[in-house]
Amino acid sequence: MRDRILCLSFTLLIFVFGMFINLFYKTKNANDKLISITVKGAVVNQGVYFCKYGISVNEVLEICGGMTELGFLPIGFDYNMPITNDTTINIQKRYSTIRKNYEEN
């Protein structure tokens, strides 16, 4: 009986230790995860950037050199919104610039 209790206690200890290792591994990987963000449109340096998980749109725009003079984001757009998966950010040109170029042609 004593051997059985000792064996079950050891098994339980190994199980709990494994749970702690798994929990530590998951939290460590969530912070180190890189996501790919494609930036297009009216920005200084277009391209694909590998950034940390949860980076904000504002930080991505800083990394790619910012928006050009023609760049436009709608009023009320949340620049601090975190990005949590692979995505594409397309910065549009102002409507007045597009309309002016259309009328010249």
PDB file of N, CA and C in Angstrom:
ATOM      1  N   MET A   1       0.822  -1.191   0.000  1.00  0.00           N
ATOM      2  CA  MET A   1       0.000   0.000   0.000  1.00  0.00           C
ATOM      3  C   MET A   1       0.878   1.271   0.000  1.00  0.00           C
ATOM      4  N   ARG A   2       1.922   1.234   0.788  1.00  0.00           N
ATOM      5  CA  ARG A   2       2.818   2.386   0.863  1.00  0.00           C
ATOM      6  C   ARG A   2       3.503   2.628  -0.478  1.00  0.00           C
ATOM      7  N   ASP A   3       3.882   1.563  -1.164  1.00  0.00           N
ATOM      8  CA  ASP A   3       4.508   1.697  -2.483  1.00  0.00           C
ATOM      9  C   ASP A   3       3.544   2.302  -3.498  1.00  0.00           C
ATOM     10  N   ARG A   4       2.304   1.927  -3.398  1.00  0.00           N
ATOM     11  CA  ARG A   4       1.288   2.440  -4.314  1.00  0.00           C
ATOM     12  C   ARG A   4       1.088   3.947  -4.099  1.00  0.00           C
ATOM     13  N   ILE A   5       1.007   4.385  -2.854  1.00  0.00           N
ATOM     14  CA  ILE A   5       0.850   5.809  -2.543  1.00  0.00           C
ATOM     15  C   ILE A   5       2.072   6.588  -3.014  1.00  0.00           C
ATOM     16  N   LEU A   6       3.252   6.045  -2.795  1.00  0.00           N
ATOM     17  CA  LEU A   6       4.482   6.679  -3.242  1.00  0.00           C
ATOM     18  C   LEU A   6       4.520   6.812  -4.763  1.00  0.00           C
ATOM     19  N   CYS A   7       4.088   5.782  -5.461  1.00  0.00           N
ATOM     20  CA  CYS A   7       4.056   5.803  -6.933  1.00  0.00           C
ATOM     21  C   CYS A   7       3.061   6.839  -7.443  1.00  0.00           C
ATOM     22  N   LEU A   8       1.863   6.892  -6.846  1.00  0.00           N
ATOM     23  CA  LEU A   8       0.852   7.874  -7.251  1.00  0.00           C
ATOM     24  C   LEU A   8       1.313   9.302  -6.938  1.00  0.00           C
ATOM     25  N   SER A   9       1.965   9.501  -5.812  1.00  0.00           N
ATOM     26  CA  SER A   9       2.477  10.829  -5.459  1.00  0.00           C
ATOM     27  C   SER A   9       3.541  11.283  -6.452  1.00  0.00           C
ATOM     28  N   PHE A  10       4.412  10.372  -6.825  1.00  0.00           N
ATOM     29  CA  PHE A  10       5.454  10.694  -7.799  1.00  0.00           C
ATOM     30  C   PHE A  10       4.836  11.036  -9.155  1.00  0.00           C
ATOM     31  N   THR A  11       3.830  10.265  -9.573  1.00  0.00           N
ATOM     32  CA  THR A  11       3.146  10.525 -10.843  1.00  0.00           C
ATOM     33  C   THR A  11       2.462  11.892 -10.815  1.00  0.00           C
ATOM     34  N   LEU A  12       1.813  12.212  -9.703  1.00  0.00           N
ATOM     35  CA  LEU A  12       1.157  13.507  -9.566  1.00  0.00           C
ATOM     36  C   LEU A  12       2.179  14.644  -9.599  1.00  0.00           C
ATOM     37  N   LEU A  13       3.316  14.458  -8.952  1.00  0.00           N
ATOM     38  CA  LEU A  13       4.372  15.465  -8.962  1.00  0.00           C
ATOM     39  C   LEU A  13       4.893  15.708 -10.377  1.00  0.00           C
ATOM     40  N   ILE A  14       5.104  14.656 -11.138  1.00  0.00           N
ATOM     41  CA  ILE A  14       5.559  14.782 -12.530  1.00  0.00           C
ATOM     42  C   ILE A  14       4.507  15.505 -13.369  1.00  0.00           C
ATOM     43  N   PHE A  15       3.232  15.191 -13.159  1.00  0.00           N
ATOM     44  CA  PHE A  15       2.149  15.822 -13.908  1.00  0.00           C
ATOM     45  C   PHE A  15       2.100  17.331 -13.629  1.00  0.00           C
ATOM     46  N   VAL A  16       2.173  17.711 -12.344  1.00  0.00           N
ATOM     47  CA  VAL A  16       2.130  19.133 -11.974  1.00  0.00           C
ATOM     48  C   VAL A  16       3.352  19.860 -12.530  1.00  0.00           C
ATOM     49  N   PHE A  17       4.510  19.246 -12.455  1.00  0.00           N
ATOM     50  CA  PHE A  17       5.724  19.837 -13.010  1.00  0.00           C
ATOM     51  C   PHE A  17       5.580  20.059 -14.520  1.00  0.00           C
ATOM     52  N   GLY A  18       5.002  19.093 -15.220  1.00  0.00           N
ATOM     53  CA  GLY A  18       4.761  19.223 -16.657  1.00  0.00           C
ATOM     54  C   GLY A  18       3.803  20.355 -16.976  1.00  0.00           C
ATOM     55  N   MET A  19       2.781  20.539 -16.137  1.00  0.00           N
ATOM     56  CA  MET A  19       1.829  21.636 -16.346  1.00  0.00           C
ATOM     57  C   MET A  19       2.523  22.999 -16.206  1.00  0.00           C
ATOM     58  N   PHE A  20       3.402  23.135 -15.207  1.00  0.00           N
ATOM     59  CA  PHE A  20       4.134  24.392 -15.033  1.00  0.00           C
ATOM     60  C   PHE A  20       5.058  24.668 -16.211  1.00  0.00           C
ATOM     61  N   ILE A  21       5.719  23.651 -16.708  1.00  0.00           N
ATOM     62  CA  ILE A  21       6.601  23.826 -17.870  1.00  0.00           C
ATOM     63  C   ILE A  21       5.789  24.251 -19.086  1.00  0.00           C
ATOM     64  N   ASN A  22       4.643  23.624 -19.306  1.00  0.00           N
ATOM     65  CA  ASN A  22       3.778  23.960 -20.438  1.00  0.00           C
ATOM     66  C   ASN A  22       3.275  25.398 -20.329  1.00  0.00           C
ATOM     67  N   LEU A  23       2.858  25.815 -19.145  1.00  0.00           N
ATOM     68  CA  LEU A  23       2.376  27.179 -18.942  1.00  0.00           C
ATOM     69  C   LEU A  23       3.486  28.194 -19.201  1.00  0.00           C
ATOM     70  N   PHE A  24       4.670  27.940 -18.706  1.00  0.00           N
ATOM     71  CA  PHE A  24       5.809  28.830 -18.925  1.00  0.00           C
ATOM     72  C   PHE A  24       6.157  28.907 -20.408  1.00  0.00           C
ATOM     73  N   TYR A  25       6.129  27.777 -21.103  1.00  0.00           N
ATOM     74  CA  TYR A  25       6.470  27.725 -22.521  1.00  0.00           C
ATOM     75  C   TYR A  25       5.475  28.529 -23.346  1.00  0.00           C
ATOM     76  N   LYS A  26       4.180  28.430 -23.028  1.00  0.00           N
ATOM     77  CA  LYS A  26       3.162  29.164 -23.786  1.00  0.00           C
ATOM     78  C   LYS A  26       3.297  30.666 -23.590  1.00  0.00           C
ATOM     79  N   THR A  27       3.511  31.135 -22.375  1.00  0.00           N
ATOM     80  CA  THR A  27       3.640  32.577 -22.157  1.00  0.00           C
ATOM     81  C   THR A  27       4.920  33.114 -22.773  1.00  0.00           C
ATOM     82  N   LYS A  28       5.973  32.334 -22.771  1.00  0.00           N
ATOM     83  CA  LYS A  28       7.230  32.774 -23.376  1.00  0.00           C
ATOM     84  C   LYS A  28       7.074  32.909 -24.886  1.00  0.00           C
ATOM     85  N   ASN A  29       6.411  31.958 -25.532  1.00  0.00           N
ATOM     86  CA  ASN A  29       6.254  31.998 -26.982  1.00  0.00           C
ATOM     87  C   ASN A  29       5.296  33.085 -27.434  1.00  0.00           C
ATOM     88  N   ALA A  30       4.300  33.430 -26.632  1.00  0.00           N
ATOM     89  CA  ALA A  30       3.361  34.483 -27.024  1.00  0.00           C
ATOM     90  C   ALA A  30       4.078  35.824 -27.126  1.00  0.00           C
ATOM     91  N   ASN A  31       5.054  36.066 -26.264  1.00  0.00           N
ATOM     92  CA  ASN A  31       5.785  37.331 -26.294  1.00  0.00           C
ATOM     93  C   ASN A  31       6.833  37.371 -27.397  1.00  0.00           C
ATOM     94  N   ASP A  32       7.358  36.223 -27.797  1.00  0.00           N
ATOM     95  CA  ASP A  32       8.418  36.163 -28.799  1.00  0.00           C
ATOM     96  C   ASP A  32       7.894  35.953 -30.215  1.00  0.00           C
ATOM     97  N   LYS A  33       6.608  35.789 -30.375  1.00  0.00           N
ATOM     98  CA  LYS A  33       6.035  35.468 -31.678  1.00  0.00           C
ATOM     99  C   LYS A  33       6.184  36.649 -32.643  1.00  0.00           C
ATOM    100  N   LEU A  34       6.597  36.345 -33.864  1.00  0.00           N
ATOM    101  CA  LEU A  34       6.697  37.367 -34.907  1.00  0.00           C
ATOM    102  C   LEU A  34       5.561  37.174 -35.898  1.00  0.00           C
ATOM    103  N   ILE A  35       5.022  38.278 -36.371  1.00  0.00           N
ATOM    104  CA  ILE A  35       3.976  38.237 -37.390  1.00  0.00           C
ATOM    105  C   ILE A  35       4.459  39.045 -38.585  1.00  0.00           C
ATOM    106  N   SER A  36       3.968  38.679 -39.765  1.00  0.00           N
ATOM    107  CA  SER A  36       4.357  39.425 -40.969  1.00  0.00           C
ATOM    108  C   SER A  36       3.269  40.439 -41.298  1.00  0.00           C
ATOM    109  N   ILE A  37       3.699  41.659 -41.551  1.00  0.00           N
ATOM    110  CA  ILE A  37       2.785  42.746 -41.874  1.00  0.00           C
ATOM    111  C   ILE A  37       3.227  43.342 -43.199  1.00  0.00           C
ATOM    112  N   THR A  38       2.330  43.327 -44.181  1.00  0.00           N
ATOM    113  CA  THR A  38       2.603  43.917 -45.489  1.00  0.00           C
ATOM    114  C   THR A  38       2.038  45.331 -45.494  1.00  0.00           C
ATOM    115  N   VAL A  39       2.878  46.306 -45.803  1.00  0.00           N
ATOM    116  CA  VAL A  39       2.453  47.707 -45.834  1.00  0.00           C
ATOM    117  C   VAL A  39       2.510  48.179 -47.280  1.00  0.00           C
ATOM    118  N   LYS A  40       1.375  48.687 -47.783  1.00  0.00           N
ATOM    119  CA  LYS A  40       1.266  49.146 -49.176  1.00  0.00           C
ATOM    120  C   LYS A  40       0.693  50.555 -49.214  1.00  0.00           C
ATOM    121  N   GLY A  41       0.746  51.153 -50.374  1.00  0.00           N
ATOM    122  CA  GLY A  41       0.074  52.421 -50.600  1.00  0.00           C
ATOM    123  C   GLY A  41       0.960  53.625 -50.366  1.00  0.00           C
ATOM    124  N   ALA A  42       0.382  54.664 -49.773  1.00  0.00           N
ATOM    125  CA  ALA A  42       1.045  55.954 -49.615  1.00  0.00           C
ATOM    126  C   ALA A  42       1.908  55.987 -48.357  1.00  0.00           C
ATOM    127  N   VAL A  43       2.937  55.126 -48.330  1.00  0.00           N
ATOM    128  CA  VAL A  43       3.922  55.123 -47.241  1.00  0.00           C
ATOM    129  C   VAL A  43       5.305  55.304 -47.850  1.00  0.00           C
ATOM    130  N   VAL A  44       6.271  55.697 -47.038  1.00  0.00           N
ATOM    131  CA  VAL A  44       7.615  55.965 -47.537  1.00  0.00           C
ATOM    132  C   VAL A  44       8.286  54.684 -48.023  1.00  0.00           C
ATOM    133  N   ASN A  45       8.286  53.642 -47.208  1.00  0.00           N
ATOM    134  CA  ASN A  45       8.935  52.377 -47.569  1.00  0.00           C
ATOM    135  C   ASN A  45       7.922  51.238 -47.534  1.00  0.00           C
ATOM    136  N   GLN A  46       7.411  50.871 -48.692  1.00  0.00           N
ATOM    137  CA  GLN A  46       6.470  49.755 -48.771  1.00  0.00           C
ATOM    138  C   GLN A  46       7.221  48.445 -48.615  1.00  0.00           C
ATOM    139  N   GLY A  47       6.511  47.412 -48.195  1.00  0.00           N
ATOM    140  CA  GLY A  47       7.147  46.106 -48.105  1.00  0.00           C
ATOM    141  C   GLY A  47       6.553  45.240 -47.021  1.00  0.00           C
ATOM    142  N   VAL A  48       7.238  44.118 -46.776  1.00  0.00           N
ATOM    143  CA  VAL A  48       6.823  43.167 -45.748  1.00  0.00           C
ATOM    144  C   VAL A  48       7.751  43.334 -44.553  1.00  0.00           C
ATOM    145  N   TYR A  49       7.164  43.487 -43.387  1.00  0.00           N
ATOM    146  CA  TYR A  49       7.917  43.670 -42.153  1.00  0.00           C
ATOM    147  C   TYR A  49       7.545  42.562 -41.177  1.00  0.00           C
ATOM    148  N   PHE A  50       8.545  42.023 -40.488  1.00  0.00           N
ATOM    149  CA  PHE A  50       8.310  41.033 -39.445  1.00  0.00           C
ATOM    150  C   PHE A  50       8.411  41.754 -38.110  1.00  0.00           C
ATOM    151  N   CYS A  51       7.296  41.801 -37.397  1.00  0.00           N
ATOM    152  CA  CYS A  51       7.210  42.562 -36.155  1.00  0.00           C
ATOM    153  C   CYS A  51       6.738  41.662 -35.022  1.00  0.00           C
ATOM    154  N   LYS A  52       6.901  42.151 -33.800  1.00  0.00           N
ATOM    155  CA  LYS A  52       6.477  41.379 -32.639  1.00  0.00           C
ATOM    156  C   LYS A  52       4.948  41.343 -32.553  1.00  0.00           C
ATOM    157  N   TYR A  53       4.455  40.298 -31.964  1.00  0.00           N
ATOM    158  CA  TYR A  53       3.023  40.082 -31.767  1.00  0.00           C
ATOM    159  C   TYR A  53       2.452  41.219 -30.918  1.00  0.00           C
ATOM    160  N   GLY A  54       1.363  41.840 -31.366  1.00  0.00           N
ATOM    161  CA  GLY A  54       0.700  42.888 -30.605  1.00  0.00           C
ATOM    162  C   GLY A  54       1.204  44.290 -30.869  1.00  0.00           C
ATOM    163  N   ILE A  55       2.037  44.474 -31.886  1.00  0.00           N
ATOM    164  CA  ILE A  55       2.545  45.803 -32.221  1.00  0.00           C
ATOM    165  C   ILE A  55       1.383  46.670 -32.707  1.00  0.00           C
ATOM    166  N   SER A  56       1.460  47.970 -32.468  1.00  0.00           N
ATOM    167  CA  SER A  56       0.367  48.855 -32.875  1.00  0.00           C
ATOM    168  C   SER A  56       0.570  49.336 -34.312  1.00  0.00           C
ATOM    169  N   VAL A  57      -0.513  49.821 -34.907  1.00  0.00           N
ATOM    170  CA  VAL A  57      -0.458  50.353 -36.273  1.00  0.00           C
ATOM    171  C   VAL A  57       0.486  51.550 -36.318  1.00  0.00           C
ATOM    172  N   ASN A  58       0.472  52.366 -35.290  1.00  0.00           N
ATOM    173  CA  ASN A  58       1.350  53.530 -35.220  1.00  0.00           C
ATOM    174  C   ASN A  58       2.820  53.122 -35.264  1.00  0.00           C
ATOM    175  N   GLU A  59       3.189  52.077 -34.527  1.00  0.00           N
ATOM    176  CA  GLU A  59       4.577  51.613 -34.519  1.00  0.00           C
ATOM    177  C   GLU A  59       4.986  51.052 -35.876  1.00  0.00           C
ATOM    178  N   VAL A  60       4.068  50.368 -36.554  1.00  0.00           N
ATOM    179  CA  VAL A  60       4.367  49.838 -37.888  1.00  0.00           C
ATOM    180  C   VAL A  60       4.602  50.983 -38.863  1.00  0.00           C
ATOM    181  N   LEU A  61       3.777  52.025 -38.776  1.00  0.00           N
ATOM    182  CA  LEU A  61       3.962  53.179 -39.662  1.00  0.00           C
ATOM    183  C   LEU A  61       5.297  53.872 -39.388  1.00  0.00           C
ATOM    184  N   GLU A  62       5.737  53.911 -38.140  1.00  0.00           N
ATOM    185  CA  GLU A  62       7.050  54.481 -37.822  1.00  0.00           C
ATOM    186  C   GLU A  62       8.170  53.637 -38.416  1.00  0.00           C
ATOM    187  N   ILE A  63       8.035  52.316 -38.348  1.00  0.00           N
ATOM    188  CA  ILE A  63       9.064  51.422 -38.881  1.00  0.00           C
ATOM    189  C   ILE A  63       9.215  51.600 -40.384  1.00  0.00           C
ATOM    190  N   CYS A  64       8.098  51.777 -41.095  1.00  0.00           N
ATOM    191  CA  CYS A  64       8.177  51.895 -42.555  1.00  0.00           C
ATOM    192  C   CYS A  64       8.397  53.336 -43.010  1.00  0.00           C
ATOM    193  N   GLY A  65       8.727  54.233 -42.103  1.00  0.00           N
ATOM    194  CA  GLY A  65       9.087  55.588 -42.495  1.00  0.00           C
ATOM    195  C   GLY A  65       7.949  56.578 -42.492  1.00  0.00           C
ATOM    196  N   GLY A  66       6.773  56.177 -42.120  1.00  0.00           N
ATOM    197  CA  GLY A  66       5.624  57.076 -42.059  1.00  0.00           C
ATOM    198  C   GLY A  66       4.858  57.149 -43.368  1.00  0.00           C
ATOM    199  N   MET A  67       3.784  57.917 -43.345  1.00  0.00           N
ATOM    200  CA  MET A  67       2.963  58.098 -44.540  1.00  0.00           C
ATOM    201  C   MET A  67       3.530  59.237 -45.380  1.00  0.00           C
ATOM    202  N   THR A  68       3.284  59.180 -46.671  1.00  0.00           N
ATOM    203  CA  THR A  68       3.669  60.283 -47.548  1.00  0.00           C
ATOM    204  C   THR A  68       2.669  61.420 -47.372  1.00  0.00           C
ATOM    205  N   GLU A  69       2.903  62.528 -48.048  1.00  0.00           N
ATOM    206  CA  GLU A  69       1.984  63.667 -47.961  1.00  0.00           C
ATOM    207  C   GLU A  69       0.598  63.313 -48.485  1.00  0.00           C
ATOM    208  N   LEU A  70       0.535  62.348 -49.379  1.00  0.00           N
ATOM    209  CA  LEU A  70      -0.740  61.964 -49.969  1.00  0.00           C
ATOM    210  C   LEU A  70      -1.489  60.933 -49.137  1.00  0.00           C
ATOM    211  N   GLY A  71      -0.859  60.400 -48.100  1.00  0.00           N
ATOM    212  CA  GLY A  71      -1.469  59.346 -47.294  1.00  0.00           C
ATOM    213  C   GLY A  71      -2.676  59.832 -46.513  1.00  0.00           C
ATOM    214  N   PHE A  72      -3.639  58.937 -46.325  1.00  0.00           N
ATOM    215  CA  PHE A  72      -4.882  59.296 -45.651  1.00  0.00           C
ATOM    216  C   PHE A  72      -5.403  58.100 -44.870  1.00  0.00           C
ATOM    217  N   LEU A  73      -5.736  58.323 -43.618  1.00  0.00           N
ATOM    218  CA  LEU A  73      -6.466  57.346 -42.818  1.00  0.00           C
ATOM    219  C   LEU A  73      -7.737  58.028 -42.335  1.00  0.00           C
ATOM    220  N   PRO A  74      -8.846  57.319 -42.277  1.00  0.00           N
ATOM    221  CA  PRO A  74     -10.120  57.948 -41.912  1.00  0.00           C
ATOM    222  C   PRO A  74     -10.101  58.554 -40.506  1.00  0.00           C
ATOM    223  N   ILE A  75     -10.934  59.559 -40.304  1.00  0.00           N
ATOM    224  CA  ILE A  75     -11.065  60.183 -38.990  1.00  0.00           C
ATOM    225  C   ILE A  75     -11.601  59.139 -38.019  1.00  0.00           C
ATOM    226  N   GLY A  76     -11.033  59.097 -36.853  1.00  0.00           N
ATOM    227  CA  GLY A  76     -11.467  58.139 -35.845  1.00  0.00           C
ATOM    228  C   GLY A  76     -10.748  56.805 -35.917  1.00  0.00           C
ATOM    229  N   PHE A  77      -9.797  56.676 -36.830  1.00  0.00           N
ATOM    230  CA  PHE A  77      -9.040  55.426 -36.935  1.00  0.00           C
ATOM    231  C   PHE A  77      -8.167  55.266 -35.697  1.00  0.00           C
ATOM    232  N   ASP A  78      -8.149  54.085 -35.110  1.00  0.00           N
ATOM    233  CA  ASP A  78      -7.394  53.828 -33.883  1.00  0.00           C
ATOM    234  C   ASP A  78      -5.967  53.419 -34.228  1.00  0.00           C
ATOM    235  N   TYR A  79      -5.028  54.349 -34.104  1.00  0.00           N
ATOM    236  CA  TYR A  79      -3.619  54.082 -34.402  1.00  0.00           C
ATOM    237  C   TYR A  79      -2.975  53.141 -33.387  1.00  0.00           C
ATOM    238  N   ASN A  80      -3.555  53.046 -32.202  1.00  0.00           N
ATOM    239  CA  ASN A  80      -2.983  52.213 -31.146  1.00  0.00           C
ATOM    240  C   ASN A  80      -3.550  50.801 -31.140  1.00  0.00           C
ATOM    241  N   MET A  81      -4.330  50.460 -32.142  1.00  0.00           N
ATOM    242  CA  MET A  81      -4.922  49.132 -32.226  1.00  0.00           C
ATOM    243  C   MET A  81      -3.818  48.089 -32.399  1.00  0.00           C
ATOM    244  N   PRO A  82      -3.779  47.059 -31.538  1.00  0.00           N
ATOM    245  CA  PRO A  82      -2.729  46.041 -31.677  1.00  0.00           C
ATOM    246  C   PRO A  82      -3.002  45.113 -32.855  1.00  0.00           C
ATOM    247  N   ILE A  83      -1.942  44.688 -33.496  1.00  0.00           N
ATOM    248  CA  ILE A  83      -2.042  43.742 -34.609  1.00  0.00           C
ATOM    249  C   ILE A  83      -1.633  42.382 -34.070  1.00  0.00           C
ATOM    250  N   THR A  84      -2.530  41.406 -34.186  1.00  0.00           N
ATOM    251  CA  THR A  84      -2.279  40.106 -33.571  1.00  0.00           C
ATOM    252  C   THR A  84      -2.161  38.965 -34.571  1.00  0.00           C
ATOM    253  N   ASN A  85      -2.298  39.244 -35.849  1.00  0.00           N
ATOM    254  CA  ASN A  85      -2.110  38.183 -36.845  1.00  0.00           C
ATOM    255  C   ASN A  85      -1.517  38.781 -38.120  1.00  0.00           C
ATOM    256  N   ASP A  86      -1.089  37.914 -39.021  1.00  0.00           N
ATOM    257  CA  ASP A  86      -0.510  38.383 -40.282  1.00  0.00           C
ATOM    258  C   ASP A  86      -1.558  39.200 -41.030  1.00  0.00           C
ATOM    259  N   THR A  87      -1.170  40.370 -41.493  1.00  0.00           N
ATOM    260  CA  THR A  87      -2.149  41.254 -42.112  1.00  0.00           C
ATOM    261  C   THR A  87      -1.490  42.157 -43.149  1.00  0.00           C
ATOM    262  N   THR A  88      -2.326  42.850 -43.904  1.00  0.00           N
ATOM    263  CA  THR A  88      -1.875  43.841 -44.878  1.00  0.00           C
ATOM    264  C   THR A  88      -2.471  45.188 -44.501  1.00  0.00           C
ATOM    265  N   ILE A  89      -1.624  46.204 -44.439  1.00  0.00           N
ATOM    266  CA  ILE A  89      -2.083  47.569 -44.179  1.00  0.00           C
ATOM    267  C   ILE A  89      -1.941  48.332 -45.485  1.00  0.00           C
ATOM    268  N   ASN A  90      -3.053  48.841 -45.994  1.00  0.00           N
ATOM    269  CA  ASN A  90      -3.049  49.586 -47.244  1.00  0.00           C
ATOM    270  C   ASN A  90      -3.419  51.033 -46.938  1.00  0.00           C
ATOM    271  N   ILE A  91      -2.464  51.943 -47.052  1.00  0.00           N
ATOM    272  CA  ILE A  91      -2.700  53.362 -46.784  1.00  0.00           C
ATOM    273  C   ILE A  91      -3.176  54.007 -48.079  1.00  0.00           C
ATOM    274  N   GLN A  92      -4.399  54.503 -48.058  1.00  0.00           N
ATOM    275  CA  GLN A  92      -5.008  55.090 -49.250  1.00  0.00           C
ATOM    276  C   GLN A  92      -4.512  56.513 -49.483  1.00  0.00           C
ATOM    277  N   LYS A  93      -4.622  56.957 -50.748  1.00  0.00           N
ATOM    278  CA  LYS A  93      -4.341  58.356 -51.077  1.00  0.00           C
ATOM    279  C   LYS A  93      -5.605  59.163 -50.826  1.00  0.00           C
ATOM    280  N   ARG A  94      -5.421  60.444 -50.577  1.00  0.00           N
ATOM    281  CA  ARG A  94      -6.572  61.323 -50.368  1.00  0.00           C
ATOM    282  C   ARG A  94      -7.436  61.357 -51.620  1.00  0.00           C
ATOM    283  N   TYR A  95      -8.735  61.443 -51.429  1.00  0.00           N
ATOM    284  CA  TYR A  95      -9.667  61.467 -52.549  1.00  0.00           C
ATOM    285  C   TYR A  95      -9.433  62.678 -53.440  1.00  0.00           C
ATOM    286  N   SER A  96      -9.123  63.829 -52.861  1.00  0.00           N
ATOM    287  CA  SER A  96      -8.936  65.044 -53.664  1.00  0.00           C
ATOM    288  C   SER A  96      -7.755  64.890 -54.618  1.00  0.00           C
ATOM    289  N   THR A  97      -6.699  64.193 -54.192  1.00  0.00           N
ATOM    290  CA  THR A  97      -5.535  63.970 -55.049  1.00  0.00           C
ATOM    291  C   THR A  97      -5.895  63.050 -56.200  1.00  0.00           C
ATOM    292  N   ILE A  98      -6.637  62.013 -55.917  1.00  0.00           N
ATOM    293  CA  ILE A  98      -7.051  61.075 -56.967  1.00  0.00           C
ATOM    294  C   ILE A  98      -7.957  61.785 -57.965  1.00  0.00           C
ATOM    295  N   ARG A  99      -8.906  62.563 -57.473  1.00  0.00           N
ATOM    296  CA  ARG A  99      -9.852  63.273 -58.338  1.00  0.00           C
ATOM    297  C   ARG A  99      -9.110  64.281 -59.223  1.00  0.00           C
ATOM    298  N   LYS A 100      -8.128  64.993 -58.667  1.00  0.00           N
ATOM    299  CA  LYS A 100      -7.367  65.982 -59.429  1.00  0.00           C
ATOM    300  C   LYS A 100      -6.611  65.306 -60.569  1.00  0.00           C
ATOM    301  N   ASN A 101      -5.963  64.186 -60.291  1.00  0.00           N
ATOM    302  CA  ASN A 101      -5.239  63.463 -61.335  1.00  0.00           C
ATOM    303  C   ASN A 101      -6.187  62.943 -62.402  1.00  0.00           C
ATOM    304  N   TYR A 102      -7.382  62.546 -62.026  1.00  0.00           N
ATOM    305  CA  TYR A 102      -8.364  62.047 -62.981  1.00  0.00           C
ATOM    306  C   TYR A 102      -8.822  63.167 -63.912  1.00  0.00           C
ATOM    307  N   GLU A 103      -9.047  64.354 -63.362  1.00  0.00           N
ATOM    308  CA  GLU A 103      -9.533  65.466 -64.172  1.00  0.00           C
ATOM    309  C   GLU A 103      -8.466  65.990 -65.120  1.00  0.00           C
ATOM    310  N   GLU A 104      -7.177  65.842 -64.770  1.00  0.00           N
ATOM    311  CA  GLU A 104      -6.107  66.309 -65.643  1.00  0.00           C
ATOM    312  C   GLU A 104      -5.975  65.436 -66.880  1.00  0.00           C
ATOM    313  N   ASN A 105      -6.339  64.161 -66.787  1.00  0.00           N
ATOM    314  CA  ASN A 105      -6.193  63.238 -67.929  1.00  0.00           C
ATOM    315  C   ASN A 105      -7.296  63.373 -68.880  1.00  0.00           C
TER     316      ASN A 105
END
